[in-house]
Amino acid sequence: MDKQAMINAIRHYKSQASPNNPDKTDLATIKDIEKIIKETADLMTTLVNQLNN
């Protein structure tokens, strides 16, 4: 298990899954939700793969 790879994956997730719009009062769009789903799946895949190493 590569702990640094897991930390890097979490950092990547936080930067990529965050909304692009700085106005925190705006509602999330379908595109925003799809982005979160994709990034969450990518993060979980990376973490599971690291557990297998």
PDB file of N, CA and C in Angstrom:
ATOM      1  N   MET A   1       0.851  -1.176   0.000  1.00  0.00           N
ATOM      2  CA  MET A   1       0.000   0.000   0.000  1.00  0.00           C
ATOM      3  C   MET A   1       0.898   1.241   0.000  1.00  0.00           C
ATOM      4  N   ASP A   2       0.652   2.102  -0.977  1.00  0.00           N
ATOM      5  CA  ASP A   2       1.437   3.329  -1.106  1.00  0.00           C
ATOM      6  C   ASP A   2       0.645   4.487  -0.488  1.00  0.00           C
ATOM      7  N   LYS A   3       1.005   4.817   0.743  1.00  0.00           N
ATOM      8  CA  LYS A   3       0.281   5.844   1.489  1.00  0.00           C
ATOM      9  C   LYS A   3       0.349   7.195   0.779  1.00  0.00           C
ATOM     10  N   GLN A   4       1.502   7.538   0.217  1.00  0.00           N
ATOM     11  CA  GLN A   4       1.640   8.832  -0.460  1.00  0.00           C
ATOM     12  C   GLN A   4       0.759   8.897  -1.700  1.00  0.00           C
ATOM     13  N   ALA A   5       0.634   7.798  -2.416  1.00  0.00           N
ATOM     14  CA  ALA A   5      -0.250   7.770  -3.583  1.00  0.00           C
ATOM     15  C   ALA A   5      -1.700   8.000  -3.169  1.00  0.00           C
ATOM     16  N   MET A   6      -2.080   7.453  -2.021  1.00  0.00           N
ATOM     17  CA  MET A   6      -3.443   7.646  -1.527  1.00  0.00           C
ATOM     18  C   MET A   6      -3.671   9.101  -1.118  1.00  0.00           C
ATOM     19  N   ILE A   7      -2.695   9.701  -0.466  1.00  0.00           N
ATOM     20  CA  ILE A   7      -2.787  11.112  -0.082  1.00  0.00           C
ATOM     21  C   ILE A   7      -2.882  11.987  -1.325  1.00  0.00           C
ATOM     22  N   ASN A   8      -2.075  11.679  -2.322  1.00  0.00           N
ATOM     23  CA  ASN A   8      -2.110  12.446  -3.569  1.00  0.00           C
ATOM     24  C   ASN A   8      -3.464  12.309  -4.260  1.00  0.00           C
ATOM     25  N   ALA A   9      -4.040  11.118  -4.231  1.00  0.00           N
ATOM     26  CA  ALA A   9      -5.349  10.898  -4.847  1.00  0.00           C
ATOM     27  C   ALA A   9      -6.423  11.725  -4.144  1.00  0.00           C
ATOM     28  N   ILE A  10      -6.349  11.812  -2.834  1.00  0.00           N
ATOM     29  CA  ILE A  10      -7.321  12.607  -2.081  1.00  0.00           C
ATOM     30  C   ILE A  10      -7.148  14.089  -2.395  1.00  0.00           C
ATOM     31  N   ARG A  11      -5.931  14.555  -2.475  1.00  0.00           N
ATOM     32  CA  ARG A  11      -5.678  15.968  -2.834  1.00  0.00           C
ATOM     33  C   ARG A  11      -6.218  16.271  -4.228  1.00  0.00           C
ATOM     34  N   HIS A  12      -5.966  15.355  -5.149  1.00  0.00           N
ATOM     35  CA  HIS A  12      -6.458  15.519  -6.524  1.00  0.00           C
ATOM     36  C   HIS A  12      -7.987  15.583  -6.519  1.00  0.00           C
ATOM     37  N   TYR A  13      -8.602  14.689  -5.762  1.00  0.00           N
ATOM     38  CA  TYR A  13     -10.065  14.665  -5.669  1.00  0.00           C
ATOM     39  C   TYR A  13     -10.595  16.007  -5.168  1.00  0.00           C
ATOM     40  N   LYS A  14     -10.001  16.514  -4.110  1.00  0.00           N
ATOM     41  CA  LYS A  14     -10.473  17.768  -3.533  1.00  0.00           C
ATOM     42  C   LYS A  14     -10.381  18.917  -4.533  1.00  0.00           C
ATOM     43  N   SER A  15      -9.317  18.949  -5.311  1.00  0.00           N
ATOM     44  CA  SER A  15      -9.174  20.047  -6.266  1.00  0.00           C
ATOM     45  C   SER A  15     -10.086  19.860  -7.475  1.00  0.00           C
ATOM     46  N   GLN A  16     -10.264  18.624  -7.929  1.00  0.00           N
ATOM     47  CA  GLN A  16     -11.059  18.383  -9.123  1.00  0.00           C
ATOM     48  C   GLN A  16     -12.559  18.350  -8.859  1.00  0.00           C
ATOM     49  N   ALA A  17     -12.969  17.919  -7.682  1.00  0.00           N
ATOM     50  CA  ALA A  17     -14.398  17.784  -7.386  1.00  0.00           C
ATOM     51  C   ALA A  17     -15.023  19.079  -6.869  1.00  0.00           C
ATOM     52  N   SER A  18     -14.199  20.049  -6.571  1.00  0.00           N
ATOM     53  CA  SER A  18     -14.728  21.323  -6.077  1.00  0.00           C
ATOM     54  C   SER A  18     -15.400  22.083  -7.216  1.00  0.00           C
ATOM     55  N   PRO A  19     -16.464  22.818  -6.898  1.00  0.00           N
ATOM     56  CA  PRO A  19     -17.141  23.586  -7.949  1.00  0.00           C
ATOM     57  C   PRO A  19     -16.245  24.683  -8.503  1.00  0.00           C
ATOM     58  N   ASN A  20     -16.426  24.976  -9.767  1.00  0.00           N
ATOM     59  CA  ASN A  20     -15.628  26.024 -10.412  1.00  0.00           C
ATOM     60  C   ASN A  20     -16.135  27.420 -10.062  1.00  0.00           C
ATOM     61  N   ASN A  21     -17.421  27.516  -9.742  1.00  0.00           N
ATOM     62  CA  ASN A  21     -18.022  28.802  -9.451  1.00  0.00           C
ATOM     63  C   ASN A  21     -17.689  29.215  -8.021  1.00  0.00           C
ATOM     64  N   PRO A  22     -17.052  30.363  -7.865  1.00  0.00           N
ATOM     65  CA  PRO A  22     -16.679  30.801  -6.512  1.00  0.00           C
ATOM     66  C   PRO A  22     -17.871  31.237  -5.668  1.00  0.00           C
ATOM     67  N   ASP A  23     -19.029  31.476  -6.304  1.00  0.00           N
ATOM     68  CA  ASP A  23     -20.224  31.897  -5.572  1.00  0.00           C
ATOM     69  C   ASP A  23     -20.873  30.673  -4.933  1.00  0.00           C
ATOM     70  N   LYS A  24     -20.657  30.500  -3.648  1.00  0.00           N
ATOM     71  CA  LYS A  24     -21.127  29.307  -2.934  1.00  0.00           C
ATOM     72  C   LYS A  24     -22.646  29.272  -2.770  1.00  0.00           C
ATOM     73  N   THR A  25     -23.349  30.367  -3.143  1.00  0.00           N
ATOM     74  CA  THR A  25     -24.800  30.372  -3.014  1.00  0.00           C
ATOM     75  C   THR A  25     -25.488  29.813  -4.250  1.00  0.00           C
ATOM     76  N   ASP A  26     -24.756  29.630  -5.351  1.00  0.00           N
ATOM     77  CA  ASP A  26     -25.349  29.073  -6.566  1.00  0.00           C
ATOM     78  C   ASP A  26     -25.669  27.593  -6.374  1.00  0.00           C
ATOM     79  N   LEU A  27     -26.735  27.158  -7.007  1.00  0.00           N
ATOM     80  CA  LEU A  27     -27.113  25.746  -6.959  1.00  0.00           C
ATOM     81  C   LEU A  27     -26.171  24.921  -7.831  1.00  0.00           C
ATOM     82  N   ALA A  28     -26.008  23.673  -7.471  1.00  0.00           N
ATOM     83  CA  ALA A  28     -25.192  22.757  -8.275  1.00  0.00           C
ATOM     84  C   ALA A  28     -25.940  22.411  -9.553  1.00  0.00           C
ATOM     85  N   THR A  29     -25.203  22.322 -10.636  1.00  0.00           N
ATOM     86  CA  THR A  29     -25.789  21.924 -11.918  1.00  0.00           C
ATOM     87  C   THR A  29     -25.648  20.411 -12.081  1.00  0.00           C
ATOM     88  N   ILE A  30     -26.320  19.881 -13.071  1.00  0.00           N
ATOM     89  CA  ILE A  30     -26.175  18.458 -13.392  1.00  0.00           C
ATOM     90  C   ILE A  30     -24.720  18.163 -13.725  1.00  0.00           C
ATOM     91  N   LYS A  31     -24.070  19.071 -14.421  1.00  0.00           N
ATOM     92  CA  LYS A  31     -22.658  18.895 -14.764  1.00  0.00           C
ATOM     93  C   LYS A  31     -21.795  18.822 -13.502  1.00  0.00           C
ATOM     94  N   ASP A  32     -22.086  19.671 -12.518  1.00  0.00           N
ATOM     95  CA  ASP A  32     -21.350  19.641 -11.243  1.00  0.00           C
ATOM     96  C   ASP A  32     -21.523  18.289 -10.549  1.00  0.00           C
ATOM     97  N   ILE A  33     -22.747  17.794 -10.532  1.00  0.00           N
ATOM     98  CA  ILE A  33     -23.034  16.515  -9.869  1.00  0.00           C
ATOM     99  C   ILE A  33     -22.351  15.368 -10.601  1.00  0.00           C
ATOM    100  N   GLU A  34     -22.397  15.393 -11.932  1.00  0.00           N
ATOM    101  CA  GLU A  34     -21.727  14.348 -12.707  1.00  0.00           C
ATOM    102  C   GLU A  34     -20.220  14.371 -12.468  1.00  0.00           C
ATOM    103  N   LYS A  35     -19.663  15.569 -12.331  1.00  0.00           N
ATOM    104  CA  LYS A  35     -18.225  15.714 -12.057  1.00  0.00           C
ATOM    105  C   LYS A  35     -17.871  15.100 -10.703  1.00  0.00           C
ATOM    106  N   ILE A  36     -18.701  15.354  -9.696  1.00  0.00           N
ATOM    107  CA  ILE A  36     -18.460  14.792  -8.369  1.00  0.00           C
ATOM    108  C   ILE A  36     -18.535  13.272  -8.404  1.00  0.00           C
ATOM    109  N   ILE A  37     -19.537  12.744  -9.124  1.00  0.00           N
ATOM    110  CA  ILE A  37     -19.674  11.284  -9.236  1.00  0.00           C
ATOM    111  C   ILE A  37     -18.451  10.686  -9.897  1.00  0.00           C
ATOM    112  N   LYS A  38     -17.994  11.280 -10.995  1.00  0.00           N
ATOM    113  CA  LYS A  38     -16.820  10.763 -11.710  1.00  0.00           C
ATOM    114  C   LYS A  38     -15.584  10.817 -10.828  1.00  0.00           C
ATOM    115  N   GLU A  39     -15.361  11.948 -10.183  1.00  0.00           N
ATOM    116  CA  GLU A  39     -14.172  12.103  -9.348  1.00  0.00           C
ATOM    117  C   GLU A  39     -14.212  11.177  -8.134  1.00  0.00           C
ATOM    118  N   THR A  40     -15.401  10.953  -7.580  1.00  0.00           N
ATOM    119  CA  THR A  40     -15.535  10.028  -6.454  1.00  0.00           C
ATOM    120  C   THR A  40     -15.211   8.607  -6.888  1.00  0.00           C
ATOM    121  N   ALA A  41     -15.729   8.215  -8.052  1.00  0.00           N
ATOM    122  CA  ALA A  41     -15.431   6.870  -8.570  1.00  0.00           C
ATOM    123  C   ALA A  41     -13.943   6.717  -8.836  1.00  0.00           C
ATOM    124  N   ASP A  42     -13.322   7.739  -9.423  1.00  0.00           N
ATOM    125  CA  ASP A  42     -11.873   7.684  -9.680  1.00  0.00           C
ATOM    126  C   ASP A  42     -11.091   7.551  -8.370  1.00  0.00           C
ATOM    127  N   LEU A  43     -11.479   8.325  -7.366  1.00  0.00           N
ATOM    128  CA  LEU A  43     -10.797   8.265  -6.067  1.00  0.00           C
ATOM    129  C   LEU A  43     -10.943   6.884  -5.444  1.00  0.00           C
ATOM    130  N   MET A  44     -12.147   6.366  -5.429  1.00  0.00           N
ATOM    131  CA  MET A  44     -12.382   5.047  -4.817  1.00  0.00           C
ATOM    132  C   MET A  44     -11.596   3.962  -5.555  1.00  0.00           C
ATOM    133  N   THR A  45     -11.547   4.038  -6.869  1.00  0.00           N
ATOM    134  CA  THR A  45     -10.781   3.070  -7.663  1.00  0.00           C
ATOM    135  C   THR A  45      -9.301   3.137  -7.306  1.00  0.00           C
ATOM    136  N   THR A  46      -8.764   4.339  -7.199  1.00  0.00           N
ATOM    137  CA  THR A  46      -7.368   4.514  -6.836  1.00  0.00           C
ATOM    138  C   THR A  46      -7.082   3.955  -5.456  1.00  0.00           C
ATOM    139  N   LEU A  47      -7.948   4.255  -4.494  1.00  0.00           N
ATOM    140  CA  LEU A  47      -7.729   3.759  -3.132  1.00  0.00           C
ATOM    141  C   LEU A  47      -7.807   2.245  -3.062  1.00  0.00           C
ATOM    142  N   VAL A  48      -8.768   1.642  -3.748  1.00  0.00           N
ATOM    143  CA  VAL A  48      -8.891   0.183  -3.755  1.00  0.00           C
ATOM    144  C   VAL A  48      -7.660  -0.439  -4.404  1.00  0.00           C
ATOM    145  N   ASN A  49      -7.211   0.151  -5.505  1.00  0.00           N
ATOM    146  CA  ASN A  49      -6.022  -0.376  -6.171  1.00  0.00           C
ATOM    147  C   ASN A  49      -4.792  -0.282  -5.265  1.00  0.00           C
ATOM    148  N   GLN A  50      -4.699   0.773  -4.481  1.00  0.00           N
ATOM    149  CA  GLN A  50      -3.570   0.917  -3.568  1.00  0.00           C
ATOM    150  C   GLN A  50      -3.641  -0.110  -2.444  1.00  0.00           C
ATOM    151  N   LEU A  51      -4.822  -0.479  -2.030  1.00  0.00           N
ATOM    152  CA  LEU A  51      -4.967  -1.500  -0.994  1.00  0.00           C
ATOM    153  C   LEU A  51      -4.469  -2.856  -1.495  1.00  0.00           C
ATOM    154  N   ASN A  52      -4.568  -3.078  -2.797  1.00  0.00           N
ATOM    155  CA  ASN A  52      -4.118  -4.330  -3.386  1.00  0.00           C
ATOM    156  C   ASN A  52      -2.603  -4.383  -3.585  1.00  0.00           C
ATOM    157  N   ASN A  53      -1.942  -3.251  -3.453  1.00  0.00           N
ATOM    158  CA  ASN A  53      -0.475  -3.203  -3.647  1.00  0.00           C
ATOM    159  C   ASN A  53       0.245  -3.550  -2.359  1.00  0.00           C
TER     160      ASN A  53
END
